C-alpha cells in the first residue's frame, strides 16, 4: 500500500475510533447483557451523541405500569435522539427471582421495545457502575423503583422520583427541552 493509502486508512480508523468514544464518561467501557439474553449492549455505542433516560425498574411494584408510558416515550422520542434504558433491580425486593419472569413482564405484559438490561444493583457498595456515576453526578441514588435519570449530551443529569410519571407534563417538558 502506498503512503496515500496508508494515510487514508489511518485517518479513517482514527475518525472511527474517535466517534466510537464520543459518549459521556458515564457510559464509556460499559457493556451489559440484555435482559434474559446472551446479547450484549455497548452503552457507549448505544448512547453516543444522544440524550439518555436511565430507569431502575421492578416487575412487582406499584409503579410497574410506568413501563407503558416509558414505551410510549421511547416511541415518541427515539427518532429525535432519546435513548431509553431500563435496568431491573431487586434492591427494594419487588423484582422477580427468575429473569425469564422479569422479561415476560417487560416484553409480553407491557410490550417494551426499548433496551432492557439484565438485573443489577442500583444502590450501595454493589451498585452497577452506571448507577454509581448517575448517583454521584446527580447527588441522588435511587430510593425506590422507577427513579428516572435524564442525561443530556453534555453529561448533565436530572433526577425524577417514581412519583413523577413519564407521561406527566413535568417530565414531558424536561424531555422536550433536552431534545431542542
N, C-alpha and C. Protein backbone atom coordinates (compact mmCIF):
# COMPACT_ATOMS: atom_id res chain seq x y z
N UNK A 1 0.85 -1.17 0.00
CA UNK A 1 0.00 0.00 0.00
C UNK A 1 0.90 1.24 0.00
N UNK A 2 0.52 2.23 -0.80
CA UNK A 2 1.32 3.46 -0.88
C UNK A 2 1.02 4.38 0.31
N UNK A 3 1.80 5.48 0.39
CA UNK A 3 1.65 6.42 1.51
C UNK A 3 0.25 7.02 1.59
N UNK A 4 -0.31 7.37 0.45
CA UNK A 4 -1.64 7.96 0.44
C UNK A 4 -2.66 6.97 0.99
N UNK A 5 -2.55 5.73 0.55
CA UNK A 5 -3.47 4.69 1.03
C UNK A 5 -3.34 4.49 2.53
N UNK A 6 -2.11 4.45 3.03
CA UNK A 6 -1.89 4.30 4.47
C UNK A 6 -2.42 5.50 5.24
N UNK A 7 -2.22 6.69 4.69
CA UNK A 7 -2.72 7.91 5.35
C UNK A 7 -4.24 7.89 5.42
N UNK A 8 -4.90 7.51 4.35
CA UNK A 8 -6.36 7.44 4.34
C UNK A 8 -6.86 6.38 5.30
N UNK A 9 -6.17 5.24 5.34
CA UNK A 9 -6.56 4.18 6.25
C UNK A 9 -6.42 4.64 7.70
N UNK A 10 -5.31 5.33 8.03
CA UNK A 10 -5.09 5.84 9.37
C UNK A 10 -6.17 6.87 9.73
N UNK A 11 -6.45 7.78 8.80
CA UNK A 11 -7.45 8.82 9.04
C UNK A 11 -8.82 8.20 9.28
N UNK A 12 -9.19 7.23 8.45
CA UNK A 12 -10.49 6.57 8.61
C UNK A 12 -10.57 5.85 9.95
N UNK A 13 -9.52 5.14 10.33
CA UNK A 13 -9.57 4.39 11.59
C UNK A 13 -9.56 5.31 12.79
N UNK A 14 -8.82 6.41 12.74
CA UNK A 14 -8.80 7.32 13.88
C UNK A 14 -10.12 8.09 13.97
N UNK A 15 -10.73 8.41 12.84
CA UNK A 15 -12.04 9.06 12.86
C UNK A 15 -13.07 8.12 13.45
N UNK A 16 -13.05 6.87 13.06
CA UNK A 16 -13.99 5.89 13.59
C UNK A 16 -13.77 5.71 15.09
N UNK A 17 -12.52 5.57 15.50
CA UNK A 17 -12.22 5.37 16.92
C UNK A 17 -12.68 6.58 17.72
N UNK A 18 -12.46 7.78 17.20
CA UNK A 18 -12.89 8.98 17.91
C UNK A 18 -14.39 9.05 18.05
N UNK A 19 -15.11 8.68 17.01
CA UNK A 19 -16.56 8.76 17.08
C UNK A 19 -17.13 7.69 17.99
N UNK A 20 -16.47 6.56 18.08
CA UNK A 20 -16.95 5.49 18.94
C UNK A 20 -16.79 5.87 20.41
N UNK A 21 -15.92 6.81 20.73
CA UNK A 21 -15.68 7.19 22.11
C UNK A 21 -16.32 8.51 22.49
N UNK A 22 -17.24 9.03 21.67
CA UNK A 22 -17.83 10.33 21.95
C UNK A 22 -19.07 10.25 22.82
N UNK A 23 -19.19 9.20 23.60
CA UNK A 23 -20.30 9.12 24.55
C UNK A 23 -19.86 9.74 25.87
N UNK A 24 -20.80 9.97 26.76
CA UNK A 24 -20.49 10.52 28.07
C UNK A 24 -19.66 9.52 28.88
N UNK A 25 -18.84 10.03 29.78
CA UNK A 25 -18.00 9.18 30.62
C UNK A 25 -18.81 8.14 31.40
N UNK A 26 -20.05 8.45 31.73
CA UNK A 26 -20.90 7.52 32.47
C UNK A 26 -20.99 6.19 31.73
N UNK A 27 -21.02 6.24 30.40
CA UNK A 27 -21.30 5.06 29.60
C UNK A 27 -20.06 4.43 28.96
N UNK A 28 -18.91 5.10 29.03
CA UNK A 28 -17.69 4.57 28.40
C UNK A 28 -17.27 3.26 29.04
N UNK A 29 -16.98 2.29 28.19
CA UNK A 29 -16.49 1.00 28.65
C UNK A 29 -17.53 0.14 29.34
N UNK A 30 -18.78 0.55 29.29
CA UNK A 30 -19.83 -0.19 29.98
C UNK A 30 -20.57 -1.09 28.99
N UNK A 31 -20.39 -2.38 29.16
CA UNK A 31 -21.07 -3.37 28.34
C UNK A 31 -21.90 -4.23 29.27
N UNK A 32 -23.17 -4.39 28.96
CA UNK A 32 -24.09 -5.15 29.79
C UNK A 32 -24.81 -6.18 28.94
N UNK A 33 -25.28 -7.22 29.61
CA UNK A 33 -26.15 -8.18 28.93
C UNK A 33 -27.55 -7.61 28.85
N UNK A 34 -28.21 -7.93 27.74
CA UNK A 34 -29.62 -7.59 27.62
C UNK A 34 -30.42 -8.49 28.55
N UNK A 35 -31.57 -8.04 28.95
CA UNK A 35 -32.45 -8.81 29.82
C UNK A 35 -32.78 -10.16 29.19
N UNK A 36 -32.54 -11.22 29.94
CA UNK A 36 -32.86 -12.60 29.56
C UNK A 36 -32.34 -12.93 28.16
N UNK A 37 -31.08 -12.61 27.92
CA UNK A 37 -30.48 -12.81 26.61
C UNK A 37 -28.98 -12.96 26.76
N UNK A 38 -28.37 -13.59 25.76
CA UNK A 38 -26.91 -13.66 25.75
C UNK A 38 -26.31 -12.49 24.97
N UNK A 39 -27.17 -11.66 24.37
CA UNK A 39 -26.70 -10.49 23.62
C UNK A 39 -26.20 -9.43 24.59
N UNK A 40 -25.19 -8.71 24.14
CA UNK A 40 -24.64 -7.64 24.96
C UNK A 40 -24.94 -6.28 24.36
N UNK A 41 -24.97 -5.29 25.23
CA UNK A 41 -25.23 -3.91 24.84
C UNK A 41 -24.00 -3.09 25.22
N UNK A 42 -23.40 -2.42 24.24
CA UNK A 42 -22.31 -1.49 24.49
C UNK A 42 -22.98 -0.13 24.74
N UNK A 43 -23.02 0.30 25.99
CA UNK A 43 -23.74 1.52 26.34
C UNK A 43 -23.15 2.75 25.69
N UNK A 44 -21.85 2.77 25.46
CA UNK A 44 -21.23 3.91 24.77
C UNK A 44 -21.77 4.01 23.35
N UNK A 45 -21.76 2.89 22.66
CA UNK A 45 -22.26 2.87 21.28
C UNK A 45 -23.74 3.22 21.22
N UNK A 46 -24.53 2.67 22.14
CA UNK A 46 -25.97 2.91 22.17
C UNK A 46 -26.32 4.37 22.43
N UNK A 47 -25.55 5.03 23.29
CA UNK A 47 -25.90 6.38 23.74
C UNK A 47 -25.12 7.50 23.07
N UNK A 48 -24.22 7.15 22.19
CA UNK A 48 -23.34 8.12 21.53
C UNK A 48 -24.14 9.28 20.94
N UNK A 49 -23.81 10.50 21.37
CA UNK A 49 -24.42 11.74 20.87
C UNK A 49 -25.94 11.78 21.05
N UNK A 50 -26.43 11.13 22.09
CA UNK A 50 -27.87 11.09 22.34
C UNK A 50 -28.16 11.48 23.78
N UNK A 51 -29.37 11.95 24.01
CA UNK A 51 -29.87 12.12 25.37
C UNK A 51 -30.31 10.73 25.84
N UNK A 52 -30.17 10.47 27.14
CA UNK A 52 -30.44 9.14 27.66
C UNK A 52 -31.36 9.22 28.87
N UNK A 53 -32.31 8.32 28.91
CA UNK A 53 -33.17 8.15 30.08
C UNK A 53 -32.84 6.78 30.67
N UNK A 54 -32.25 6.76 31.85
CA UNK A 54 -31.91 5.52 32.56
C UNK A 54 -32.91 5.36 33.69
N UNK A 55 -33.50 4.17 33.81
CA UNK A 55 -34.54 3.93 34.82
C UNK A 55 -34.26 2.61 35.52
N UNK A 56 -34.31 2.61 36.86
CA UNK A 56 -34.27 1.34 37.58
C UNK A 56 -35.71 0.84 37.70
N UNK A 57 -35.93 -0.40 37.33
CA UNK A 57 -37.29 -0.94 37.24
C UNK A 57 -37.49 -2.12 38.18
N UNK A 58 -38.75 -2.52 38.34
CA UNK A 58 -39.11 -3.70 39.11
C UNK A 58 -40.44 -4.22 38.58
N UNK A 59 -40.60 -5.53 38.59
CA UNK A 59 -41.77 -6.17 38.00
C UNK A 59 -42.99 -6.21 38.91
N UNK A 60 -42.77 -6.11 40.20
CA UNK A 60 -43.88 -6.26 41.16
C UNK A 60 -44.04 -5.03 42.03
N UNK A 61 -44.02 -3.87 41.43
CA UNK A 61 -44.06 -2.60 42.15
C UNK A 61 -45.33 -1.84 41.73
N UNK A 62 -45.79 -0.99 42.59
CA UNK A 62 -46.94 -0.16 42.25
C UNK A 62 -46.68 0.75 41.06
N UNK A 63 -45.40 1.00 40.76
CA UNK A 63 -45.03 1.85 39.63
C UNK A 63 -44.75 1.04 38.36
N UNK A 64 -44.89 -0.28 38.41
CA UNK A 64 -44.62 -1.11 37.23
C UNK A 64 -45.41 -0.66 35.99
N UNK A 65 -46.65 -0.17 36.13
CA UNK A 65 -47.35 0.34 34.94
C UNK A 65 -46.63 1.49 34.23
N UNK A 66 -45.60 2.07 34.84
CA UNK A 66 -44.81 3.09 34.15
C UNK A 66 -44.16 2.52 32.88
N UNK A 67 -44.02 1.19 32.80
CA UNK A 67 -43.46 0.61 31.58
C UNK A 67 -44.25 1.06 30.35
N UNK A 68 -45.55 1.16 30.49
CA UNK A 68 -46.40 1.56 29.35
C UNK A 68 -46.06 2.98 28.89
N UNK A 69 -45.93 3.91 29.82
CA UNK A 69 -45.61 5.29 29.42
C UNK A 69 -44.14 5.45 29.05
N UNK A 70 -43.25 4.63 29.61
CA UNK A 70 -41.85 4.64 29.17
C UNK A 70 -41.74 4.17 27.72
N UNK A 71 -42.51 3.15 27.37
CA UNK A 71 -42.52 2.65 25.99
C UNK A 71 -43.07 3.72 25.05
N UNK A 72 -44.13 4.40 25.45
CA UNK A 72 -44.69 5.48 24.63
C UNK A 72 -43.66 6.60 24.44
N UNK A 73 -42.96 6.94 25.51
CA UNK A 73 -41.90 7.95 25.44
C UNK A 73 -40.81 7.52 24.47
N UNK A 74 -40.41 6.27 24.57
CA UNK A 74 -39.40 5.71 23.67
C UNK A 74 -39.84 5.85 22.21
N UNK A 75 -41.06 5.47 21.92
CA UNK A 75 -41.56 5.54 20.54
C UNK A 75 -41.68 6.98 20.06
N UNK A 76 -42.09 7.87 20.95
CA UNK A 76 -42.28 9.27 20.57
C UNK A 76 -40.96 9.99 20.31
N UNK A 77 -39.92 9.70 21.10
CA UNK A 77 -38.70 10.49 21.05
C UNK A 77 -37.47 9.77 20.51
N UNK A 78 -37.55 8.51 20.20
CA UNK A 78 -36.37 7.79 19.71
C UNK A 78 -35.79 8.44 18.46
N UNK A 79 -36.64 8.82 17.53
CA UNK A 79 -36.15 9.42 16.28
C UNK A 79 -35.62 10.84 16.49
N UNK A 80 -35.90 11.42 17.66
CA UNK A 80 -35.43 12.77 17.98
C UNK A 80 -34.16 12.75 18.83
N UNK A 81 -33.66 11.54 19.13
CA UNK A 81 -32.38 11.45 19.83
C UNK A 81 -32.43 11.03 21.28
N UNK A 82 -33.53 10.43 21.73
CA UNK A 82 -33.60 9.94 23.11
C UNK A 82 -33.45 8.43 23.14
N UNK A 83 -32.57 7.95 24.01
CA UNK A 83 -32.40 6.52 24.23
C UNK A 83 -32.95 6.20 25.61
N UNK A 84 -33.84 5.23 25.69
CA UNK A 84 -34.40 4.78 26.97
C UNK A 84 -33.76 3.45 27.33
N UNK A 85 -33.25 3.36 28.57
CA UNK A 85 -32.62 2.14 29.04
C UNK A 85 -33.18 1.81 30.43
N UNK A 86 -33.65 0.59 30.58
CA UNK A 86 -34.14 0.14 31.87
C UNK A 86 -33.23 -0.91 32.45
N UNK A 87 -33.10 -0.91 33.77
CA UNK A 87 -32.35 -1.95 34.46
C UNK A 87 -33.18 -2.45 35.64
N UNK A 88 -33.66 -3.69 35.56
CA UNK A 88 -34.38 -4.24 36.71
C UNK A 88 -33.44 -4.38 37.90
N UNK A 89 -34.00 -4.17 39.08
CA UNK A 89 -33.22 -4.30 40.30
C UNK A 89 -34.10 -4.85 41.40
N UNK A 90 -33.50 -5.65 42.25
CA UNK A 90 -34.23 -6.18 43.41
C UNK A 90 -33.79 -5.49 44.69
N UNK A 91 -33.20 -4.31 44.57
CA UNK A 91 -32.77 -3.58 45.76
C UNK A 91 -33.92 -3.27 46.71
N UNK A 92 -35.13 -3.24 46.18
CA UNK A 92 -36.30 -2.90 47.00
C UNK A 92 -37.27 -4.08 47.11
N UNK A 93 -36.77 -5.27 46.79
CA UNK A 93 -37.46 -6.55 46.98
C UNK A 93 -38.78 -6.65 46.22
N UNK A 94 -38.80 -6.12 45.01
CA UNK A 94 -40.01 -6.19 44.20
C UNK A 94 -39.72 -6.67 42.78
N UNK A 95 -38.63 -7.41 42.62
CA UNK A 95 -38.28 -7.95 41.31
C UNK A 95 -38.43 -9.46 41.35
N UNK A 96 -38.76 -10.02 40.19
CA UNK A 96 -38.88 -11.47 40.05
C UNK A 96 -37.54 -12.13 40.35
N UNK A 97 -37.58 -13.35 40.89
CA UNK A 97 -36.34 -14.10 41.14
C UNK A 97 -35.75 -14.64 39.86
N UNK A 98 -36.61 -14.95 38.91
CA UNK A 98 -36.17 -15.54 37.63
C UNK A 98 -36.22 -14.46 36.55
N UNK A 99 -35.08 -14.25 35.87
CA UNK A 99 -35.01 -13.22 34.84
C UNK A 99 -36.00 -13.46 33.71
N UNK A 100 -36.36 -14.71 33.46
CA UNK A 100 -37.37 -15.02 32.43
C UNK A 100 -38.72 -14.42 32.81
N UNK A 101 -39.04 -14.42 34.09
CA UNK A 101 -40.30 -13.81 34.55
C UNK A 101 -40.25 -12.29 34.42
N UNK A 102 -39.10 -11.72 34.70
CA UNK A 102 -38.93 -10.27 34.51
C UNK A 102 -39.11 -9.91 33.04
N UNK A 103 -38.50 -10.70 32.17
CA UNK A 103 -38.62 -10.46 30.72
C UNK A 103 -40.07 -10.55 30.28
N UNK A 104 -40.81 -11.50 30.83
CA UNK A 104 -42.23 -11.64 30.47
C UNK A 104 -43.00 -10.38 30.85
N UNK A 105 -42.76 -9.87 32.05
CA UNK A 105 -43.45 -8.65 32.48
C UNK A 105 -43.14 -7.51 31.52
N UNK A 106 -41.86 -7.34 31.18
CA UNK A 106 -41.46 -6.23 30.32
C UNK A 106 -41.96 -6.40 28.89
N UNK A 107 -41.59 -7.52 28.28
CA UNK A 107 -41.80 -7.70 26.85
C UNK A 107 -43.22 -8.15 26.49
N UNK A 108 -43.79 -9.03 27.29
CA UNK A 108 -45.13 -9.56 26.97
C UNK A 108 -46.22 -8.69 27.58
N UNK A 109 -46.14 -8.46 28.88
CA UNK A 109 -47.21 -7.71 29.56
C UNK A 109 -47.28 -6.24 29.15
N UNK A 110 -46.10 -5.61 28.94
CA UNK A 110 -46.07 -4.18 28.65
C UNK A 110 -45.56 -3.84 27.26
N UNK A 111 -45.15 -4.80 26.47
CA UNK A 111 -44.72 -4.55 25.10
C UNK A 111 -43.48 -3.68 24.96
N UNK A 112 -42.58 -3.77 25.93
CA UNK A 112 -41.37 -2.95 25.93
C UNK A 112 -40.48 -3.31 24.73
N UNK A 113 -40.06 -2.28 24.00
CA UNK A 113 -39.10 -2.47 22.91
C UNK A 113 -37.81 -1.68 23.16
N UNK A 114 -37.81 -0.80 24.17
CA UNK A 114 -36.58 -0.08 24.48
C UNK A 114 -35.61 -1.04 25.16
N UNK A 115 -34.36 -0.65 25.27
CA UNK A 115 -33.31 -1.52 25.81
C UNK A 115 -33.54 -1.80 27.29
N UNK A 116 -33.63 -3.08 27.61
CA UNK A 116 -33.69 -3.54 28.99
C UNK A 116 -32.44 -4.36 29.26
N UNK A 117 -31.74 -4.01 30.32
CA UNK A 117 -30.52 -4.72 30.70
C UNK A 117 -30.84 -5.82 31.69
N UNK A 118 -29.91 -6.72 31.90
CA UNK A 118 -30.11 -7.77 32.89
C UNK A 118 -30.17 -7.14 34.29
N UNK A 119 -30.74 -7.87 35.21
CA UNK A 119 -30.94 -7.41 36.58
C UNK A 119 -29.61 -7.05 37.25
N UNK A 120 -29.61 -5.93 37.97
CA UNK A 120 -28.40 -5.49 38.66
C UNK A 120 -28.73 -4.65 39.88
N UNK A 121 -27.72 -4.34 40.63
CA UNK A 121 -27.86 -3.50 41.82
C UNK A 121 -27.82 -2.03 41.40
N UNK A 122 -28.62 -1.19 42.05
CA UNK A 122 -28.67 0.22 41.68
C UNK A 122 -28.28 1.16 42.81
N UNK A 123 -27.98 0.60 43.98
CA UNK A 123 -27.58 1.45 45.11
C UNK A 123 -26.64 0.69 46.03
N UNK A 124 -25.91 1.43 46.83
CA UNK A 124 -25.00 0.81 47.78
C UNK A 124 -23.65 0.46 47.17
N UNK A 125 -22.85 -0.23 47.96
CA UNK A 125 -21.49 -0.58 47.53
C UNK A 125 -21.46 -1.47 46.30
N UNK A 126 -22.48 -2.29 46.11
CA UNK A 126 -22.52 -3.21 44.98
C UNK A 126 -23.24 -2.65 43.76
N UNK A 127 -23.55 -1.37 43.79
CA UNK A 127 -24.31 -0.76 42.68
C UNK A 127 -23.54 -0.89 41.36
N UNK A 128 -24.30 -1.07 40.31
CA UNK A 128 -23.75 -1.08 38.96
C UNK A 128 -22.98 0.22 38.75
N UNK A 129 -21.83 0.17 38.05
CA UNK A 129 -21.03 1.39 37.86
C UNK A 129 -21.80 2.55 37.22
N UNK A 130 -22.72 2.27 36.34
CA UNK A 130 -23.51 3.35 35.72
C UNK A 130 -24.36 4.03 36.78
N UNK A 131 -25.02 3.24 37.63
CA UNK A 131 -25.86 3.85 38.67
C UNK A 131 -25.01 4.56 39.72
N UNK A 132 -23.82 4.06 39.99
CA UNK A 132 -22.91 4.78 40.91
C UNK A 132 -22.60 6.16 40.35
N UNK A 133 -22.29 6.22 39.06
CA UNK A 133 -21.94 7.50 38.45
C UNK A 133 -23.16 8.42 38.34
N UNK A 134 -24.32 7.85 38.03
CA UNK A 134 -25.54 8.66 37.97
C UNK A 134 -25.82 9.28 39.34
N UNK A 135 -25.67 8.48 40.39
CA UNK A 135 -25.90 8.98 41.75
C UNK A 135 -24.88 10.05 42.11
N UNK A 136 -23.63 9.82 41.74
CA UNK A 136 -22.57 10.79 42.03
C UNK A 136 -22.82 12.11 41.31
N UNK A 137 -23.15 12.03 40.02
CA UNK A 137 -23.36 13.26 39.24
C UNK A 137 -24.61 14.02 39.67
N UNK A 138 -25.64 13.29 40.07
CA UNK A 138 -26.91 13.93 40.41
C UNK A 138 -27.07 14.21 41.89
N UNK A 139 -26.26 13.52 42.72
CA UNK A 139 -26.40 13.66 44.16
C UNK A 139 -27.54 12.83 44.73
N UNK A 140 -28.06 11.88 43.93
CA UNK A 140 -29.21 11.11 44.39
C UNK A 140 -29.20 9.68 43.85
N UNK A 141 -28.99 8.72 44.75
CA UNK A 141 -29.13 7.30 44.39
C UNK A 141 -30.62 6.95 44.44
N UNK A 142 -31.04 5.94 43.72
CA UNK A 142 -32.46 5.56 43.77
C UNK A 142 -32.89 5.23 45.21
N UNK A 143 -34.01 5.78 45.60
CA UNK A 143 -34.58 5.50 46.91
C UNK A 143 -35.75 4.53 46.79
N UNK A 144 -36.12 4.23 45.56
CA UNK A 144 -37.20 3.29 45.27
C UNK A 144 -37.11 2.92 43.79
N UNK A 145 -37.98 2.07 43.34
CA UNK A 145 -38.03 1.66 41.94
C UNK A 145 -38.52 2.80 41.06
N UNK A 146 -38.14 2.75 39.80
CA UNK A 146 -38.55 3.69 38.77
C UNK A 146 -38.06 5.12 39.00
N UNK A 147 -36.85 5.23 39.56
CA UNK A 147 -36.16 6.52 39.55
C UNK A 147 -35.71 6.74 38.12
N UNK A 148 -35.88 7.96 37.64
CA UNK A 148 -35.57 8.28 36.26
C UNK A 148 -34.41 9.28 36.22
N UNK A 149 -33.36 8.91 35.49
CA UNK A 149 -32.18 9.76 35.32
C UNK A 149 -32.13 10.19 33.86
N UNK A 150 -32.32 11.47 33.64
CA UNK A 150 -32.29 12.05 32.31
C UNK A 150 -30.93 12.70 32.10
N UNK A 151 -30.15 12.15 31.15
CA UNK A 151 -28.77 12.59 30.92
C UNK A 151 -28.70 13.28 29.57
N UNK A 152 -28.25 14.54 29.57
CA UNK A 152 -28.12 15.24 28.28
C UNK A 152 -26.80 14.89 27.61
N UNK A 153 -26.58 15.40 26.43
CA UNK A 153 -25.39 15.05 25.66
C UNK A 153 -24.11 15.64 26.26
N UNK A 154 -24.25 16.54 27.23
CA UNK A 154 -23.08 17.08 27.94
C UNK A 154 -22.79 16.31 29.22
N UNK A 155 -23.63 15.31 29.54
CA UNK A 155 -23.44 14.52 30.75
C UNK A 155 -24.11 15.10 31.98
N UNK A 156 -24.89 16.17 31.81
CA UNK A 156 -25.64 16.72 32.94
C UNK A 156 -26.83 15.82 33.22
N UNK A 157 -27.13 15.61 34.51
CA UNK A 157 -28.14 14.65 34.92
C UNK A 157 -29.26 15.34 35.69
N UNK A 158 -30.50 15.04 35.30
CA UNK A 158 -31.68 15.44 36.05
C UNK A 158 -32.30 14.17 36.61
N UNK A 159 -32.78 14.24 37.86
CA UNK A 159 -33.37 13.07 38.51
C UNK A 159 -34.85 13.33 38.76
N UNK A 160 -35.63 12.28 38.48
CA UNK A 160 -37.07 12.34 38.73
C UNK A 160 -37.46 11.13 39.56
N UNK A 161 -38.17 11.35 40.66
CA UNK A 161 -38.59 10.23 41.51
C UNK A 161 -39.70 9.42 40.83
N UNK A 162 -40.02 8.26 41.38
CA UNK A 162 -41.05 7.44 40.78
C UNK A 162 -42.42 8.10 40.76
N UNK A 163 -42.65 9.04 41.64
CA UNK A 163 -43.94 9.73 41.67
C UNK A 163 -44.12 10.67 40.48
N UNK A 164 -43.05 10.97 39.76
CA UNK A 164 -43.15 11.75 38.53
C UNK A 164 -43.28 10.75 37.38
N UNK A 165 -44.48 10.64 36.86
CA UNK A 165 -44.75 9.67 35.79
C UNK A 165 -44.10 10.12 34.49
N UNK A 166 -43.67 9.17 33.67
CA UNK A 166 -43.05 9.52 32.38
C UNK A 166 -43.98 10.30 31.45
N UNK A 167 -45.29 10.16 31.64
CA UNK A 167 -46.22 10.88 30.79
C UNK A 167 -46.74 12.17 31.45
N UNK A 168 -46.16 12.54 32.59
CA UNK A 168 -46.57 13.77 33.27
C UNK A 168 -46.09 14.98 32.48
N UNK A 169 -46.75 16.09 32.67
CA UNK A 169 -46.37 17.33 31.98
C UNK A 169 -44.95 17.74 32.37
N UNK A 170 -44.61 17.60 33.64
CA UNK A 170 -43.28 17.98 34.13
C UNK A 170 -42.19 17.17 33.41
N UNK A 171 -42.38 15.87 33.32
CA UNK A 171 -41.36 15.03 32.71
C UNK A 171 -41.30 15.24 31.20
N UNK A 172 -42.46 15.32 30.56
CA UNK A 172 -42.51 15.56 29.12
C UNK A 172 -41.82 16.87 28.76
N UNK A 173 -42.03 17.90 29.58
CA UNK A 173 -41.38 19.20 29.34
C UNK A 173 -39.87 19.09 29.45
N UNK A 174 -39.39 18.32 30.44
CA UNK A 174 -37.94 18.15 30.60
C UNK A 174 -37.34 17.43 29.41
N UNK A 175 -38.02 16.41 28.92
CA UNK A 175 -37.52 15.66 27.75
C UNK A 175 -37.52 16.56 26.52
N UNK A 176 -38.61 17.27 26.30
CA UNK A 176 -38.71 18.17 25.13
C UNK A 176 -37.61 19.22 25.15
N UNK A 177 -37.37 19.81 26.32
CA UNK A 177 -36.33 20.84 26.44
C UNK A 177 -34.95 20.25 26.16
N UNK A 178 -34.74 19.04 26.58
CA UNK A 178 -33.45 18.37 26.39
C UNK A 178 -33.15 18.09 24.92
N UNK A 179 -34.20 17.84 24.15
CA UNK A 179 -34.01 17.44 22.75
C UNK A 179 -34.04 18.61 21.77
N UNK A 180 -34.16 19.84 22.26
CA UNK A 180 -34.17 21.01 21.36
C UNK A 180 -32.79 21.37 20.93
